[in-house]
N, C-alpha and C. Protein backbone atom coordinates (compact mmCIF):
# COMPACT_ATOMS: atom_id res chain seq x y z
N MET A 1 -19.39 0.90 71.73
CA MET A 1 -20.33 0.03 72.39
C MET A 1 -19.69 -0.52 73.66
N VAL A 2 -20.42 -0.46 74.75
CA VAL A 2 -19.93 -0.96 76.02
C VAL A 2 -20.30 -2.43 76.16
N ALA A 3 -19.31 -3.24 76.50
CA ALA A 3 -19.57 -4.68 76.66
C ALA A 3 -20.29 -4.93 77.97
N LYS A 4 -21.25 -5.84 77.95
CA LYS A 4 -21.97 -6.24 79.16
C LYS A 4 -21.03 -7.09 80.01
N THR A 5 -21.17 -6.97 81.32
CA THR A 5 -20.31 -7.74 82.21
C THR A 5 -21.14 -8.53 83.21
N ILE A 6 -20.52 -9.54 83.78
CA ILE A 6 -21.12 -10.38 84.80
C ILE A 6 -20.15 -10.42 85.98
N GLU A 7 -20.68 -10.27 87.19
CA GLU A 7 -19.85 -10.37 88.38
C GLU A 7 -20.06 -11.75 88.99
N VAL A 8 -18.95 -12.47 89.21
CA VAL A 8 -19.00 -13.84 89.70
C VAL A 8 -18.20 -13.94 91.00
N LYS A 9 -18.80 -14.62 92.00
CA LYS A 9 -18.13 -14.78 93.29
C LYS A 9 -18.13 -16.26 93.66
N LEU A 10 -16.98 -16.77 94.12
CA LEU A 10 -16.86 -18.15 94.56
C LEU A 10 -17.36 -18.25 96.00
N ILE A 11 -18.43 -19.05 96.22
CA ILE A 11 -19.05 -19.11 97.55
C ILE A 11 -18.86 -20.46 98.23
N ARG A 12 -18.38 -21.47 97.49
CA ARG A 12 -18.15 -22.80 98.08
C ARG A 12 -16.74 -23.27 97.74
N SER A 13 -16.15 -24.03 98.63
CA SER A 13 -14.82 -24.55 98.42
C SER A 13 -14.81 -25.58 97.29
N THR A 14 -13.70 -25.65 96.57
CA THR A 14 -13.56 -26.61 95.48
C THR A 14 -12.80 -27.86 95.92
N ASN A 15 -12.68 -28.09 97.22
CA ASN A 15 -11.93 -29.24 97.73
C ASN A 15 -12.47 -30.57 97.21
N LYS A 16 -13.76 -30.73 97.16
CA LYS A 16 -14.35 -32.01 96.75
C LYS A 16 -14.74 -32.05 95.27
N CYS A 17 -14.28 -31.09 94.51
CA CYS A 17 -14.55 -31.05 93.07
C CYS A 17 -13.59 -31.96 92.32
N THR A 18 -13.97 -32.30 91.11
CA THR A 18 -13.06 -33.03 90.24
C THR A 18 -12.03 -32.05 89.68
N GLU A 19 -10.97 -32.59 89.09
CA GLU A 19 -9.93 -31.74 88.51
C GLU A 19 -10.49 -30.86 87.39
N LYS A 20 -11.43 -31.40 86.62
CA LYS A 20 -12.03 -30.64 85.52
C LYS A 20 -12.84 -29.46 86.06
N GLN A 21 -13.57 -29.68 87.17
CA GLN A 21 -14.34 -28.61 87.78
C GLN A 21 -13.42 -27.53 88.36
N LYS A 22 -12.33 -27.96 88.98
CA LYS A 22 -11.36 -27.00 89.52
C LYS A 22 -10.75 -26.16 88.40
N ALA A 23 -10.48 -26.78 87.26
CA ALA A 23 -9.93 -26.06 86.11
C ALA A 23 -10.93 -25.05 85.57
N THR A 24 -12.21 -25.38 85.61
CA THR A 24 -13.25 -24.45 85.16
C THR A 24 -13.31 -23.22 86.07
N VAL A 25 -13.25 -23.44 87.38
CA VAL A 25 -13.26 -22.33 88.33
C VAL A 25 -12.01 -21.47 88.15
N LEU A 26 -10.87 -22.09 87.95
CA LEU A 26 -9.63 -21.36 87.71
C LEU A 26 -9.70 -20.58 86.40
N GLY A 27 -10.36 -21.16 85.40
CA GLY A 27 -10.55 -20.47 84.12
C GLY A 27 -11.39 -19.21 84.25
N LEU A 28 -12.27 -19.19 85.24
CA LEU A 28 -13.06 -17.99 85.51
C LEU A 28 -12.25 -16.96 86.30
N GLY A 29 -11.05 -17.34 86.73
CA GLY A 29 -10.19 -16.42 87.47
C GLY A 29 -10.44 -16.41 88.96
N LEU A 30 -11.12 -17.42 89.47
CA LEU A 30 -11.43 -17.49 90.89
C LEU A 30 -10.46 -18.45 91.57
N THR A 31 -9.60 -17.91 92.44
CA THR A 31 -8.57 -18.73 93.05
C THR A 31 -8.83 -19.03 94.52
N LYS A 32 -9.56 -18.16 95.21
CA LYS A 32 -9.82 -18.35 96.63
C LYS A 32 -11.30 -18.18 96.93
N LEU A 33 -11.72 -18.74 98.03
CA LEU A 33 -13.10 -18.61 98.49
C LEU A 33 -13.41 -17.15 98.78
N GLY A 34 -14.54 -16.66 98.28
CA GLY A 34 -14.94 -15.28 98.49
C GLY A 34 -14.40 -14.30 97.46
N ARG A 35 -13.56 -14.77 96.56
CA ARG A 35 -12.98 -13.91 95.53
C ARG A 35 -14.03 -13.56 94.49
N THR A 36 -14.05 -12.31 94.04
CA THR A 36 -15.02 -11.83 93.04
C THR A 36 -14.28 -11.38 91.79
N ARG A 37 -14.85 -11.72 90.64
CA ARG A 37 -14.29 -11.29 89.36
C ARG A 37 -15.40 -10.70 88.50
N THR A 38 -15.07 -9.70 87.72
CA THR A 38 -15.98 -9.12 86.74
C THR A 38 -15.52 -9.59 85.36
N LEU A 39 -16.40 -10.30 84.67
CA LEU A 39 -16.06 -10.91 83.39
C LEU A 39 -17.00 -10.43 82.29
N GLU A 40 -16.53 -10.53 81.05
CA GLU A 40 -17.39 -10.17 79.91
C GLU A 40 -18.48 -11.22 79.74
N ASN A 41 -19.63 -10.78 79.28
CA ASN A 41 -20.77 -11.67 79.08
C ASN A 41 -20.66 -12.31 77.70
N THR A 42 -19.87 -13.39 77.63
CA THR A 42 -19.69 -14.12 76.37
C THR A 42 -20.27 -15.52 76.53
N PRO A 43 -20.56 -16.20 75.43
CA PRO A 43 -21.09 -17.56 75.52
C PRO A 43 -20.15 -18.52 76.26
N ALA A 44 -18.84 -18.35 76.09
CA ALA A 44 -17.87 -19.23 76.77
C ALA A 44 -17.94 -19.05 78.28
N VAL A 45 -17.99 -17.82 78.73
CA VAL A 45 -18.06 -17.53 80.16
C VAL A 45 -19.38 -18.02 80.73
N ARG A 46 -20.47 -17.79 80.03
CA ARG A 46 -21.77 -18.25 80.51
C ARG A 46 -21.83 -19.78 80.60
N GLY A 47 -21.17 -20.48 79.69
CA GLY A 47 -21.11 -21.94 79.74
C GLY A 47 -20.35 -22.43 80.96
N MET A 48 -19.23 -21.77 81.28
CA MET A 48 -18.46 -22.14 82.47
C MET A 48 -19.27 -21.87 83.74
N ILE A 49 -19.98 -20.76 83.77
CA ILE A 49 -20.82 -20.43 84.93
C ILE A 49 -21.93 -21.46 85.08
N LYS A 50 -22.53 -21.86 83.98
CA LYS A 50 -23.62 -22.85 84.02
C LYS A 50 -23.14 -24.18 84.59
N LYS A 51 -21.92 -24.60 84.25
CA LYS A 51 -21.37 -25.85 84.76
C LYS A 51 -21.10 -25.80 86.26
N MET A 52 -20.76 -24.62 86.78
CA MET A 52 -20.34 -24.50 88.18
C MET A 52 -21.29 -23.63 89.00
N ILE A 53 -22.55 -23.51 88.59
CA ILE A 53 -23.49 -22.59 89.21
C ILE A 53 -23.68 -22.85 90.71
N GLN A 54 -23.56 -24.10 91.15
CA GLN A 54 -23.77 -24.41 92.56
C GLN A 54 -22.63 -23.89 93.45
N TRP A 55 -21.50 -23.54 92.85
CA TRP A 55 -20.37 -23.02 93.61
C TRP A 55 -20.24 -21.51 93.50
N LEU A 56 -21.10 -20.88 92.68
CA LEU A 56 -20.94 -19.47 92.37
C LEU A 56 -22.15 -18.63 92.75
N GLU A 57 -21.90 -17.35 92.95
CA GLU A 57 -22.97 -16.36 93.11
C GLU A 57 -22.78 -15.40 91.93
N VAL A 58 -23.81 -15.17 91.15
CA VAL A 58 -23.72 -14.42 89.91
C VAL A 58 -24.59 -13.17 89.98
N LYS A 59 -24.01 -12.01 89.60
CA LYS A 59 -24.76 -10.76 89.48
C LYS A 59 -24.51 -10.22 88.08
N GLU A 60 -25.57 -9.79 87.43
CA GLU A 60 -25.42 -9.23 86.07
C GLU A 60 -25.39 -7.72 86.12
């Protein structure tokens, strides 16, 4: 069975974010502006994306 994936891109700077929000973005593996990561479609990942949706661009 092939796991479904989600492509996530950081589109806004995290300079004015709280430390908790910065940790969430780092947990998604996004370290720099414009960086893209392909992640597994799990409930944990979707929860992190939901919290930071205004800073991310998401493609399924």
